[in-house]
Amino acid sequence: MQTFKRYKWTWALIGIIIILAGYLLVSSLDLGKEKWPVISTVQDFSLENVDKTTVTLDDTKGKVRLFYFFFTSCPDVCPVTTFMLSQVQDKLQEEGIFKEDVEFVSISFDPEVDSVEKIREFGDKFKVDYDGWYFLRGDKQSIWDLAEKSFKIMIIGDKEGNYSHANLIALVDRDNQVRNLYNANDTDDVTVEMLVNDIKDLAKD
């Protein structure tokens, strides 16, 4: 009994250390945490594709998707980001999962300028595979509402047709839930390899 009392604080300390070590291990491995938390749910839409067909959210459901909002006269970030997405497309084609399991959805938020013909001209520059990559346009206010409510993307425009917008790429799961938002301007952290790996990882769920 005396021996137990003599060492009880030692055993208590050892127990605390074991509990703390276990907690740190779980935290480092992200165990017990959802790797892809749900950020929001994509609201339904009905928009015109470059082939002049109507595309709704249900037409894309069941696949992992990347959503991106752009405008063809963008002087800087939109072409650069679309080029990066085209590289992701190429990698996924090599993996054999583009079109079959993964699709891209690019939506113009400047439909007054971006006709179907102009959007296709824009997409052609990046060797887009239109069988797995939708380029959409439609009612301007509906698109702006979709960007803000579903993807947390704010768009600001002026009378001269200039726009400021969050340059985000959204990763969407098979059930229309937004699971990640990438700042495409952060080219040090957001890379082609990262997007490909994240898409493949989410596609396993």
N, C-alpha and C. Protein backbone atom coordinates (compact mmCIF):
# COMPACT_ATOMS: atom_id res chain seq x y z
N MET A 1 0.83 -1.20 0.00
CA MET A 1 0.00 0.00 0.00
C MET A 1 0.86 1.25 0.00
N GLN A 2 1.91 1.21 0.82
CA GLN A 2 2.81 2.35 0.88
C GLN A 2 3.54 2.53 -0.44
N THR A 3 3.88 1.39 -1.07
CA THR A 3 4.56 1.46 -2.37
C THR A 3 3.67 2.13 -3.40
N PHE A 4 2.38 1.79 -3.41
CA PHE A 4 1.43 2.39 -4.35
C PHE A 4 1.34 3.89 -4.13
N LYS A 5 1.24 4.30 -2.82
CA LYS A 5 1.13 5.72 -2.53
C LYS A 5 2.38 6.46 -2.97
N ARG A 6 3.54 5.79 -2.81
CA ARG A 6 4.80 6.41 -3.14
C ARG A 6 4.89 6.72 -4.64
N TYR A 7 4.32 5.81 -5.44
CA TYR A 7 4.46 5.95 -6.89
C TYR A 7 3.19 6.41 -7.60
N LYS A 8 2.13 6.71 -6.83
CA LYS A 8 0.86 7.00 -7.50
C LYS A 8 0.94 8.24 -8.39
N TRP A 9 1.71 9.24 -7.97
CA TRP A 9 1.83 10.44 -8.81
C TRP A 9 2.64 10.15 -10.07
N THR A 10 3.61 9.22 -9.91
CA THR A 10 4.38 8.83 -11.08
C THR A 10 3.50 8.14 -12.10
N TRP A 11 2.65 7.22 -11.61
CA TRP A 11 1.74 6.52 -12.51
C TRP A 11 0.71 7.47 -13.11
N ALA A 12 0.27 8.42 -12.31
CA ALA A 12 -0.69 9.41 -12.82
C ALA A 12 -0.06 10.23 -13.93
N LEU A 13 1.22 10.63 -13.73
CA LEU A 13 1.91 11.40 -14.74
C LEU A 13 2.10 10.59 -16.02
N ILE A 14 2.46 9.31 -15.86
CA ILE A 14 2.61 8.44 -17.02
C ILE A 14 1.30 8.31 -17.79
N GLY A 15 0.20 8.19 -17.03
CA GLY A 15 -1.12 8.09 -17.66
C GLY A 15 -1.46 9.33 -18.46
N ILE A 16 -1.14 10.51 -17.90
CA ILE A 16 -1.40 11.77 -18.59
C ILE A 16 -0.58 11.86 -19.87
N ILE A 17 0.68 11.43 -19.77
CA ILE A 17 1.56 11.47 -20.93
C ILE A 17 1.03 10.56 -22.04
N ILE A 18 0.54 9.37 -21.66
CA ILE A 18 0.00 8.43 -22.64
C ILE A 18 -1.23 9.01 -23.33
N ILE A 19 -2.11 9.62 -22.54
CA ILE A 19 -3.34 10.22 -23.09
C ILE A 19 -2.98 11.36 -24.04
N LEU A 20 -2.03 12.21 -23.62
CA LEU A 20 -1.62 13.34 -24.45
C LEU A 20 -0.98 12.87 -25.74
N ALA A 21 -0.13 11.83 -25.64
CA ALA A 21 0.52 11.29 -26.84
C ALA A 21 -0.52 10.72 -27.80
N GLY A 22 -1.53 10.04 -27.26
CA GLY A 22 -2.59 9.50 -28.10
C GLY A 22 -3.37 10.60 -28.80
N TYR A 23 -3.64 11.67 -28.06
CA TYR A 23 -4.37 12.81 -28.64
C TYR A 23 -3.58 13.44 -29.78
N LEU A 24 -2.27 13.63 -29.55
CA LEU A 24 -1.43 14.23 -30.59
C LEU A 24 -1.34 13.34 -31.82
N LEU A 25 -1.30 12.02 -31.60
CA LEU A 25 -1.25 11.09 -32.72
C LEU A 25 -2.52 11.16 -33.54
N VAL A 26 -3.66 11.17 -32.87
CA VAL A 26 -4.94 11.26 -33.57
C VAL A 26 -5.04 12.58 -34.34
N SER A 27 -4.57 13.66 -33.70
CA SER A 27 -4.64 14.97 -34.36
C SER A 27 -3.77 15.01 -35.60
N SER A 28 -2.55 14.43 -35.49
CA SER A 28 -1.63 14.45 -36.62
C SER A 28 -2.14 13.63 -37.79
N LEU A 29 -2.90 12.59 -37.51
CA LEU A 29 -3.43 11.73 -38.56
C LEU A 29 -4.81 12.16 -39.02
N ASP A 30 -5.36 13.22 -38.39
CA ASP A 30 -6.71 13.70 -38.70
C ASP A 30 -7.76 12.62 -38.47
N LEU A 31 -7.49 11.69 -37.56
CA LEU A 31 -8.48 10.67 -37.27
C LEU A 31 -9.65 11.29 -36.52
N GLY A 32 -10.83 10.83 -36.84
CA GLY A 32 -12.02 11.37 -36.18
C GLY A 32 -12.50 12.65 -36.81
N LYS A 33 -11.78 13.14 -37.81
CA LYS A 33 -12.19 14.36 -38.48
C LYS A 33 -12.55 14.04 -39.93
N GLU A 34 -13.49 14.77 -40.46
CA GLU A 34 -13.87 14.57 -41.85
C GLU A 34 -12.86 15.30 -42.73
N LYS A 35 -12.21 14.57 -43.62
CA LYS A 35 -11.19 15.18 -44.46
C LYS A 35 -11.77 16.21 -45.39
N TRP A 36 -12.98 15.95 -45.88
CA TRP A 36 -13.62 16.85 -46.83
C TRP A 36 -14.91 17.39 -46.21
N PRO A 37 -14.83 18.37 -45.32
CA PRO A 37 -16.05 18.91 -44.71
C PRO A 37 -16.94 19.56 -45.75
N VAL A 38 -18.24 19.50 -45.53
CA VAL A 38 -19.20 20.11 -46.47
C VAL A 38 -19.23 21.62 -46.23
N ILE A 39 -18.89 22.38 -47.26
CA ILE A 39 -18.88 23.83 -47.15
C ILE A 39 -20.25 24.40 -47.48
N SER A 40 -20.87 23.86 -48.51
CA SER A 40 -22.20 24.31 -48.93
C SER A 40 -22.75 23.28 -49.92
N THR A 41 -23.99 23.51 -50.33
CA THR A 41 -24.61 22.65 -51.34
C THR A 41 -24.91 23.48 -52.59
N VAL A 42 -24.58 22.95 -53.73
CA VAL A 42 -24.79 23.68 -54.99
C VAL A 42 -26.28 23.75 -55.30
N GLN A 43 -26.77 24.96 -55.52
CA GLN A 43 -28.18 25.12 -55.87
C GLN A 43 -28.39 24.76 -57.33
N ASP A 44 -29.60 24.41 -57.65
CA ASP A 44 -29.91 23.96 -59.01
C ASP A 44 -29.72 25.12 -60.00
N PHE A 45 -29.42 24.77 -61.23
CA PHE A 45 -29.29 25.76 -62.28
C PHE A 45 -29.71 25.15 -63.61
N SER A 46 -30.01 26.01 -64.56
CA SER A 46 -30.33 25.60 -65.93
C SER A 46 -29.67 26.61 -66.85
N LEU A 47 -28.59 26.19 -67.54
CA LEU A 47 -27.77 27.10 -68.32
C LEU A 47 -27.49 26.54 -69.70
N GLU A 48 -27.03 27.40 -70.60
CA GLU A 48 -26.76 27.01 -71.97
C GLU A 48 -25.30 26.61 -72.14
N ASN A 49 -25.07 25.44 -72.70
CA ASN A 49 -23.72 24.95 -72.96
C ASN A 49 -23.23 25.46 -74.32
N VAL A 50 -21.94 25.25 -74.61
CA VAL A 50 -21.39 25.72 -75.89
C VAL A 50 -21.98 24.99 -77.10
N ASP A 51 -22.56 23.83 -76.87
CA ASP A 51 -23.23 23.13 -77.98
C ASP A 51 -24.70 23.53 -78.08
N LYS A 52 -25.06 24.55 -77.31
CA LYS A 52 -26.40 25.15 -77.31
C LYS A 52 -27.47 24.25 -76.70
N THR A 53 -27.05 23.22 -75.99
CA THR A 53 -27.99 22.41 -75.22
C THR A 53 -28.13 23.01 -73.82
N THR A 54 -29.22 22.66 -73.16
CA THR A 54 -29.44 23.12 -71.79
C THR A 54 -28.84 22.12 -70.81
N VAL A 55 -28.09 22.63 -69.86
CA VAL A 55 -27.45 21.79 -68.85
C VAL A 55 -27.96 22.20 -67.48
N THR A 56 -28.41 21.23 -66.71
CA THR A 56 -28.85 21.47 -65.34
C THR A 56 -27.88 20.81 -64.37
N LEU A 57 -28.04 21.10 -63.10
CA LEU A 57 -27.19 20.48 -62.09
C LEU A 57 -27.33 18.97 -62.11
N ASP A 58 -28.54 18.47 -62.31
CA ASP A 58 -28.77 17.03 -62.34
C ASP A 58 -28.01 16.34 -63.46
N ASP A 59 -27.73 17.07 -64.54
CA ASP A 59 -26.99 16.48 -65.65
C ASP A 59 -25.55 16.14 -65.26
N THR A 60 -25.05 16.77 -64.22
CA THR A 60 -23.67 16.54 -63.79
C THR A 60 -23.58 15.72 -62.51
N LYS A 61 -24.71 15.49 -61.88
CA LYS A 61 -24.71 14.80 -60.59
C LYS A 61 -24.20 13.37 -60.74
N GLY A 62 -23.54 12.90 -59.68
CA GLY A 62 -23.02 11.54 -59.68
C GLY A 62 -21.55 11.46 -60.03
N LYS A 63 -20.97 12.62 -60.38
CA LYS A 63 -19.55 12.68 -60.68
C LYS A 63 -18.88 13.72 -59.79
N VAL A 64 -17.60 13.57 -59.59
CA VAL A 64 -16.82 14.59 -58.90
C VAL A 64 -16.58 15.71 -59.91
N ARG A 65 -16.72 16.96 -59.47
CA ARG A 65 -16.61 18.07 -60.41
C ARG A 65 -15.75 19.20 -59.87
N LEU A 66 -15.14 19.93 -60.80
CA LEU A 66 -14.53 21.21 -60.49
C LEU A 66 -15.39 22.29 -61.14
N PHE A 67 -15.79 23.28 -60.34
CA PHE A 67 -16.54 24.43 -60.85
C PHE A 67 -15.63 25.65 -60.87
N TYR A 68 -15.77 26.45 -61.94
CA TYR A 68 -14.97 27.67 -62.04
C TYR A 68 -15.78 28.75 -62.74
N PHE A 69 -15.80 29.96 -62.16
CA PHE A 69 -16.50 31.09 -62.74
C PHE A 69 -15.49 32.02 -63.42
N PHE A 70 -15.80 32.47 -64.64
CA PHE A 70 -14.85 33.23 -65.44
C PHE A 70 -15.58 34.19 -66.37
N PHE A 71 -14.81 35.01 -67.10
CA PHE A 71 -15.35 35.75 -68.23
C PHE A 71 -14.26 35.82 -69.29
N THR A 72 -14.64 35.72 -70.55
CA THR A 72 -13.66 35.51 -71.62
C THR A 72 -12.76 36.71 -71.85
N SER A 73 -13.22 37.91 -71.51
CA SER A 73 -12.39 39.10 -71.72
C SER A 73 -11.51 39.41 -70.52
N CYS A 74 -11.45 38.50 -69.59
CA CYS A 74 -10.61 38.65 -68.40
C CYS A 74 -9.16 38.85 -68.84
N PRO A 75 -8.49 39.89 -68.35
CA PRO A 75 -7.14 40.19 -68.81
C PRO A 75 -6.04 39.41 -68.10
N ASP A 76 -6.38 38.70 -67.04
CA ASP A 76 -5.31 38.08 -66.28
C ASP A 76 -5.63 36.69 -65.75
N VAL A 77 -6.38 36.58 -64.65
CA VAL A 77 -6.45 35.32 -63.91
C VAL A 77 -7.27 34.22 -64.61
N CYS A 78 -8.32 34.59 -65.32
CA CYS A 78 -9.19 33.56 -65.92
C CYS A 78 -8.46 32.69 -66.96
N PRO A 79 -7.72 33.30 -67.89
CA PRO A 79 -6.99 32.44 -68.84
C PRO A 79 -5.93 31.58 -68.16
N VAL A 80 -5.23 32.15 -67.19
CA VAL A 80 -4.19 31.40 -66.49
C VAL A 80 -4.79 30.21 -65.74
N THR A 81 -5.90 30.45 -65.06
CA THR A 81 -6.54 29.38 -64.30
C THR A 81 -7.14 28.33 -65.22
N THR A 82 -7.73 28.77 -66.31
CA THR A 82 -8.30 27.81 -67.27
C THR A 82 -7.20 26.94 -67.88
N PHE A 83 -6.03 27.54 -68.12
CA PHE A 83 -4.91 26.75 -68.62
C PHE A 83 -4.50 25.68 -67.60
N MET A 84 -4.46 26.07 -66.31
CA MET A 84 -4.13 25.09 -65.28
C MET A 84 -5.16 23.97 -65.24
N LEU A 85 -6.43 24.32 -65.37
CA LEU A 85 -7.48 23.31 -65.38
C LEU A 85 -7.34 22.40 -66.59
N SER A 86 -6.89 22.95 -67.72
CA SER A 86 -6.69 22.10 -68.91
C SER A 86 -5.57 21.09 -68.66
N GLN A 87 -4.58 21.47 -67.87
CA GLN A 87 -3.52 20.54 -67.51
C GLN A 87 -4.05 19.44 -66.58
N VAL A 88 -4.94 19.84 -65.67
CA VAL A 88 -5.60 18.85 -64.81
C VAL A 88 -6.42 17.89 -65.66
N GLN A 89 -7.14 18.45 -66.64
CA GLN A 89 -7.91 17.62 -67.58
C GLN A 89 -7.01 16.58 -68.24
N ASP A 90 -5.85 17.01 -68.72
CA ASP A 90 -4.95 16.09 -69.41
C ASP A 90 -4.48 14.96 -68.50
N LYS A 91 -4.17 15.31 -67.25
CA LYS A 91 -3.72 14.30 -66.29
C LYS A 91 -4.84 13.29 -65.99
N LEU A 92 -6.05 13.79 -65.85
CA LEU A 92 -7.18 12.91 -65.56
C LEU A 92 -7.51 12.02 -66.76
N GLN A 93 -7.29 12.54 -67.96
CA GLN A 93 -7.47 11.71 -69.15
C GLN A 93 -6.47 10.57 -69.16
N GLU A 94 -5.24 10.86 -68.74
CA GLU A 94 -4.22 9.82 -68.65
C GLU A 94 -4.62 8.76 -67.62
N GLU A 95 -5.30 9.21 -66.57
CA GLU A 95 -5.75 8.29 -65.51
C GLU A 95 -7.00 7.51 -65.94
N GLY A 96 -7.64 7.97 -67.03
CA GLY A 96 -8.82 7.30 -67.53
C GLY A 96 -10.10 7.59 -66.77
N ILE A 97 -10.12 8.72 -66.02
CA ILE A 97 -11.31 9.02 -65.22
C ILE A 97 -12.01 10.31 -65.65
N PHE A 98 -11.40 11.08 -66.56
CA PHE A 98 -12.08 12.27 -67.05
C PHE A 98 -13.24 11.86 -67.94
N LYS A 99 -14.34 12.54 -67.79
CA LYS A 99 -15.62 12.26 -68.47
C LYS A 99 -16.36 11.11 -67.78
N GLU A 100 -15.64 10.02 -67.50
CA GLU A 100 -16.29 8.85 -66.92
C GLU A 100 -16.67 9.09 -65.46
N ASP A 101 -15.76 9.70 -64.71
CA ASP A 101 -15.97 9.86 -63.27
C ASP A 101 -15.81 11.30 -62.80
N VAL A 102 -15.22 12.14 -63.63
CA VAL A 102 -14.92 13.52 -63.26
C VAL A 102 -15.31 14.45 -64.40
N GLU A 103 -15.93 15.58 -64.06
CA GLU A 103 -16.27 16.59 -65.06
C GLU A 103 -15.90 17.97 -64.54
N PHE A 104 -15.72 18.90 -65.46
CA PHE A 104 -15.46 20.30 -65.12
C PHE A 104 -16.66 21.13 -65.57
N VAL A 105 -16.93 22.19 -64.82
CA VAL A 105 -18.01 23.11 -65.16
C VAL A 105 -17.49 24.53 -65.05
N SER A 106 -17.32 25.21 -66.17
CA SER A 106 -16.91 26.61 -66.19
C SER A 106 -18.13 27.44 -66.57
N ILE A 107 -18.38 28.50 -65.80
CA ILE A 107 -19.58 29.30 -65.99
C ILE A 107 -19.19 30.77 -66.18
N SER A 108 -19.61 31.35 -67.29
CA SER A 108 -19.35 32.77 -67.54
C SER A 108 -20.32 33.62 -66.73
N PHE A 109 -19.77 34.60 -66.02
CA PHE A 109 -20.64 35.53 -65.29
C PHE A 109 -20.82 36.84 -66.06
N ASP A 110 -20.42 36.83 -67.35
CA ASP A 110 -20.59 37.99 -68.22
C ASP A 110 -21.32 37.57 -69.50
N PRO A 111 -22.52 37.01 -69.37
CA PRO A 111 -23.21 36.44 -70.53
C PRO A 111 -23.63 37.47 -71.56
N GLU A 112 -23.70 38.73 -71.20
CA GLU A 112 -24.06 39.77 -72.16
C GLU A 112 -22.99 39.92 -73.24
N VAL A 113 -21.76 39.65 -72.87
CA VAL A 113 -20.63 39.70 -73.81
C VAL A 113 -20.27 38.30 -74.30
N ASP A 114 -20.32 37.35 -73.40
CA ASP A 114 -19.87 35.99 -73.71
C ASP A 114 -20.96 35.18 -74.40
N SER A 115 -20.97 35.27 -75.72
CA SER A 115 -21.87 34.44 -76.52
C SER A 115 -21.33 33.01 -76.54
N VAL A 116 -22.14 32.09 -77.04
CA VAL A 116 -21.70 30.71 -77.18
C VAL A 116 -20.44 30.65 -78.05
N GLU A 117 -20.44 31.42 -79.13
CA GLU A 117 -19.30 31.41 -80.05
C GLU A 117 -18.03 31.94 -79.38
N LYS A 118 -18.19 32.98 -78.60
CA LYS A 118 -17.02 33.57 -77.94
C LYS A 118 -16.48 32.63 -76.86
N ILE A 119 -17.37 31.96 -76.15
CA ILE A 119 -16.94 31.02 -75.13
C ILE A 119 -16.21 29.83 -75.75
N ARG A 120 -16.74 29.34 -76.86
CA ARG A 120 -16.07 28.21 -77.52
C ARG A 120 -14.69 28.62 -78.04
N GLU A 121 -14.59 29.82 -78.56
CA GLU A 121 -13.28 30.32 -79.01
C GLU A 121 -12.30 30.36 -77.84
N PHE A 122 -12.80 30.78 -76.69
CA PHE A 122 -11.98 30.82 -75.48
C PHE A 122 -11.54 29.41 -75.08
N GLY A 123 -12.48 28.48 -75.06
CA GLY A 123 -12.17 27.11 -74.66
C GLY A 123 -11.23 26.42 -75.62
N ASP A 124 -11.38 26.71 -76.91
CA ASP A 124 -10.54 26.07 -77.92
C ASP A 124 -9.06 26.39 -77.73
N LYS A 125 -8.78 27.57 -77.18
CA LYS A 125 -7.39 27.95 -76.96
C LYS A 125 -6.68 26.99 -76.00
N PHE A 126 -7.47 26.34 -75.15
CA PHE A 126 -6.89 25.48 -74.12
C PHE A 126 -7.14 23.99 -74.39
N LYS A 127 -7.52 23.69 -75.63
CA LYS A 127 -7.75 22.31 -76.06
C LYS A 127 -8.69 21.58 -75.10
N VAL A 128 -9.80 22.24 -74.84
CA VAL A 128 -10.81 21.70 -73.93
C VAL A 128 -11.50 20.49 -74.55
N ASP A 129 -11.70 19.47 -73.77
CA ASP A 129 -12.50 18.30 -74.17
C ASP A 129 -13.94 18.57 -73.74
N TYR A 130 -14.75 19.02 -74.67
CA TYR A 130 -16.11 19.44 -74.33
C TYR A 130 -17.02 18.29 -73.92
N ASP A 131 -16.59 17.07 -74.13
CA ASP A 131 -17.38 15.92 -73.69
C ASP A 131 -17.36 15.77 -72.17
N GLY A 132 -16.34 16.36 -71.54
CA GLY A 132 -16.25 16.26 -70.08
C GLY A 132 -16.11 17.60 -69.40
N TRP A 133 -16.23 18.65 -70.18
CA TRP A 133 -16.04 19.99 -69.62
C TRP A 133 -17.13 20.91 -70.17
N TYR A 134 -18.08 21.28 -69.32
CA TYR A 134 -19.15 22.19 -69.70
C TYR A 134 -18.66 23.63 -69.64
N PHE A 135 -19.00 24.42 -70.66
CA PHE A 135 -18.80 25.86 -70.63
C PHE A 135 -20.17 26.50 -70.77
N LEU A 136 -20.62 27.15 -69.70
CA LEU A 136 -22.03 27.54 -69.60
C LEU A 136 -22.22 29.05 -69.53
N ARG A 137 -23.39 29.47 -69.96
CA ARG A 137 -23.81 30.86 -69.88
C ARG A 137 -25.31 30.88 -69.62
N GLY A 138 -25.84 32.04 -69.22
CA GLY A 138 -27.27 32.13 -68.97
C GLY A 138 -27.63 33.47 -68.37
N ASP A 139 -28.71 33.49 -67.63
CA ASP A 139 -29.17 34.73 -67.00
C ASP A 139 -28.13 35.24 -66.02
N LYS A 140 -27.74 36.49 -66.19
CA LYS A 140 -26.63 37.06 -65.41
C LYS A 140 -26.91 37.04 -63.92
N GLN A 141 -28.07 37.51 -63.51
CA GLN A 141 -28.37 37.58 -62.07
C GLN A 141 -28.41 36.20 -61.45
N SER A 142 -28.96 35.23 -62.17
CA SER A 142 -29.01 33.86 -61.66
C SER A 142 -27.61 33.29 -61.46
N ILE A 143 -26.72 33.60 -62.39
CA ILE A 143 -25.35 33.11 -62.29
C ILE A 143 -24.62 33.77 -61.13
N TRP A 144 -24.81 35.07 -60.97
CA TRP A 144 -24.16 35.76 -59.86
C TRP A 144 -24.68 35.24 -58.52
N ASP A 145 -25.99 34.96 -58.45
CA ASP A 145 -26.56 34.39 -57.23
C ASP A 145 -25.98 32.99 -56.96
N LEU A 146 -25.85 32.20 -58.03
CA LEU A 146 -25.27 30.86 -57.90
C LEU A 146 -23.84 30.94 -57.38
N ALA A 147 -23.06 31.86 -57.92
CA ALA A 147 -21.67 32.01 -57.50
C ALA A 147 -21.57 32.36 -56.02
N GLU A 148 -22.41 33.29 -55.59
CA GLU A 148 -22.33 33.75 -54.21
C GLU A 148 -22.92 32.75 -53.22
N LYS A 149 -24.10 32.24 -53.51
CA LYS A 149 -24.78 31.39 -52.54
C LYS A 149 -24.21 29.98 -52.46
N SER A 150 -23.78 29.46 -53.59
CA SER A 150 -23.28 28.08 -53.60
C SER A 150 -21.78 27.98 -53.40
N PHE A 151 -21.03 29.01 -53.85
CA PHE A 151 -19.57 28.90 -53.87
C PHE A 151 -18.85 30.02 -53.12
N LYS A 152 -19.62 30.91 -52.48
CA LYS A 152 -19.02 32.01 -51.70
C LYS A 152 -18.16 32.92 -52.56
N ILE A 153 -18.51 33.03 -53.84
CA ILE A 153 -17.74 33.85 -54.77
C ILE A 153 -18.46 35.17 -55.01
N MET A 154 -17.82 36.26 -54.61
CA MET A 154 -18.38 37.60 -54.84
C MET A 154 -17.86 38.14 -56.17
N ILE A 155 -18.75 38.73 -56.94
CA ILE A 155 -18.39 39.34 -58.21
C ILE A 155 -18.83 40.80 -58.20
N ILE A 156 -17.93 41.69 -58.58
CA ILE A 156 -18.23 43.12 -58.63
C ILE A 156 -17.92 43.62 -60.03
N GLY A 157 -18.87 44.30 -60.65
CA GLY A 157 -18.66 44.83 -62.00
C GLY A 157 -18.95 46.31 -62.08
N ASP A 158 -18.40 46.96 -63.10
CA ASP A 158 -18.69 48.37 -63.32
C ASP A 158 -19.34 48.56 -64.69
N LYS A 159 -19.68 49.79 -65.02
CA LYS A 159 -20.39 50.07 -66.26
C LYS A 159 -19.52 49.86 -67.50
N GLU A 160 -18.22 49.83 -67.31
CA GLU A 160 -17.30 49.64 -68.43
C GLU A 160 -17.05 48.16 -68.73
N GLY A 161 -17.68 47.28 -67.96
CA GLY A 161 -17.50 45.85 -68.20
C GLY A 161 -16.28 45.25 -67.54
N ASN A 162 -15.76 45.96 -66.55
CA ASN A 162 -14.63 45.42 -65.78
C ASN A 162 -15.16 44.68 -64.56
N TYR A 163 -14.50 43.61 -64.19
CA TYR A 163 -14.97 42.80 -63.07
C TYR A 163 -13.84 42.49 -62.08
N SER A 164 -14.24 42.44 -60.83
CA SER A 164 -13.38 41.91 -59.78
C SER A 164 -14.11 40.70 -59.21
N HIS A 165 -13.38 39.62 -59.01
CA HIS A 165 -14.04 38.41 -58.51
C HIS A 165 -13.04 37.54 -57.78
N ALA A 166 -13.54 36.76 -56.84
CA ALA A 166 -12.69 35.79 -56.15
C ALA A 166 -12.33 34.69 -57.14
N ASN A 167 -11.05 34.46 -57.32
CA ASN A 167 -10.60 33.49 -58.32
C ASN A 167 -10.50 32.11 -57.68
N LEU A 168 -11.66 31.52 -57.43
CA LEU A 168 -11.73 30.26 -56.71
C LEU A 168 -12.12 29.10 -57.62
N ILE A 169 -11.53 27.95 -57.35
CA ILE A 169 -11.94 26.69 -57.98
C ILE A 169 -12.64 25.88 -56.90
N ALA A 170 -13.82 25.37 -57.21
CA ALA A 170 -14.59 24.61 -56.23
C ALA A 170 -14.56 23.12 -56.54
N LEU A 171 -14.27 22.33 -55.53
CA LEU A 171 -14.32 20.87 -55.64
C LEU A 171 -15.66 20.40 -55.11
N VAL A 172 -16.43 19.73 -55.96
CA VAL A 172 -17.80 19.32 -55.64
C VAL A 172 -17.91 17.80 -55.72
N ASP A 173 -18.56 17.21 -54.73
CA ASP A 173 -18.67 15.75 -54.70
C ASP A 173 -19.84 15.25 -55.55
N ARG A 174 -20.06 13.96 -55.50
CA ARG A 174 -21.09 13.34 -56.34
C ARG A 174 -22.51 13.77 -55.94
N ASP A 175 -22.66 14.27 -54.71
CA ASP A 175 -23.97 14.65 -54.20
C ASP A 175 -24.19 16.16 -54.20
N ASN A 176 -23.43 16.86 -55.03
CA ASN A 176 -23.58 18.32 -55.21
C ASN A 176 -23.18 19.13 -53.99
N GLN A 177 -22.27 18.59 -53.19
CA GLN A 177 -21.79 19.30 -52.02
C GLN A 177 -20.38 19.85 -52.28
N VAL A 178 -20.21 21.14 -51.98
CA VAL A 178 -18.90 21.76 -52.13
C VAL A 178 -18.00 21.28 -50.99
N ARG A 179 -16.87 20.67 -51.34
CA ARG A 179 -16.00 20.08 -50.32
C ARG A 179 -14.68 20.81 -50.15
N ASN A 180 -14.33 21.66 -51.12
CA ASN A 180 -13.12 22.48 -50.96
C ASN A 180 -13.18 23.65 -51.93
N LEU A 181 -12.55 24.75 -51.53
CA LEU A 181 -12.42 25.93 -52.38
C LEU A 181 -10.93 26.28 -52.45
N TYR A 182 -10.40 26.34 -53.67
CA TYR A 182 -8.99 26.62 -53.87
C TYR A 182 -8.81 28.04 -54.39
N ASN A 183 -7.91 28.78 -53.79
CA ASN A 183 -7.56 30.10 -54.31
C ASN A 183 -6.57 29.92 -55.44
N ALA A 184 -7.05 30.02 -56.66
CA ALA A 184 -6.23 29.75 -57.84
C ALA A 184 -5.11 30.77 -58.02
N ASN A 185 -5.18 31.90 -57.32
CA ASN A 185 -4.10 32.88 -57.40
C ASN A 185 -2.87 32.43 -56.62
N ASP A 186 -3.08 31.51 -55.69
CA ASP A 186 -1.98 31.03 -54.85
C ASP A 186 -1.30 29.85 -55.55
N THR A 187 -0.49 30.17 -56.55
CA THR A 187 0.10 29.12 -57.38
C THR A 187 1.19 28.33 -56.67
N ASP A 188 1.65 28.81 -55.52
CA ASP A 188 2.64 28.05 -54.75
C ASP A 188 1.99 26.86 -54.07
N ASP A 189 0.74 27.04 -53.64
CA ASP A 189 0.05 25.98 -52.92
C ASP A 189 -0.93 25.20 -53.80
N VAL A 190 -1.58 25.87 -54.73
CA VAL A 190 -2.56 25.22 -55.59
C VAL A 190 -1.88 24.85 -56.90
N THR A 191 -1.65 23.56 -57.08
CA THR A 191 -0.94 23.07 -58.26
C THR A 191 -1.77 22.04 -59.01
N VAL A 192 -1.34 21.73 -60.21
CA VAL A 192 -2.01 20.70 -61.00
C VAL A 192 -2.00 19.38 -60.25
N GLU A 193 -0.86 19.04 -59.67
CA GLU A 193 -0.73 17.77 -58.96
C GLU A 193 -1.68 17.71 -57.76
N MET A 194 -1.79 18.83 -57.03
CA MET A 194 -2.70 18.86 -55.87
C MET A 194 -4.14 18.63 -56.30
N LEU A 195 -4.57 19.32 -57.34
CA LEU A 195 -5.95 19.17 -57.79
C LEU A 195 -6.23 17.76 -58.27
N VAL A 196 -5.31 17.19 -59.01
CA VAL A 196 -5.49 15.81 -59.49
C VAL A 196 -5.59 14.85 -58.32
N ASN A 197 -4.70 14.98 -57.35
CA ASN A 197 -4.72 14.07 -56.21
C ASN A 197 -5.99 14.23 -55.37
N ASP A 198 -6.42 15.48 -55.18
CA ASP A 198 -7.64 15.71 -54.39
C ASP A 198 -8.87 15.15 -55.10
N ILE A 199 -8.93 15.34 -56.40
CA ILE A 199 -10.05 14.82 -57.17
C ILE A 199 -10.10 13.29 -57.07
N LYS A 200 -8.95 12.65 -57.25
CA LYS A 200 -8.90 11.19 -57.17
C LYS A 200 -9.25 10.71 -55.78
N ASP A 201 -8.82 11.43 -54.77
CA ASP A 201 -9.11 11.05 -53.39
C ASP A 201 -10.60 11.14 -53.11
N LEU A 202 -11.22 12.25 -53.52
CA LEU A 202 -12.66 12.41 -53.30
C LEU A 202 -13.46 11.42 -54.13
N ALA A 203 -12.96 11.08 -55.30
CA ALA A 203 -13.67 10.13 -56.18
C ALA A 203 -13.74 8.73 -55.57
N LYS A 204 -12.86 8.44 -54.62
CA LYS A 204 -12.86 7.13 -53.97
C LYS A 204 -14.04 6.98 -53.00
N ASP A 205 -14.56 8.12 -52.50
CA ASP A 205 -15.65 8.06 -51.50
C ASP A 205 -16.95 7.60 -52.14
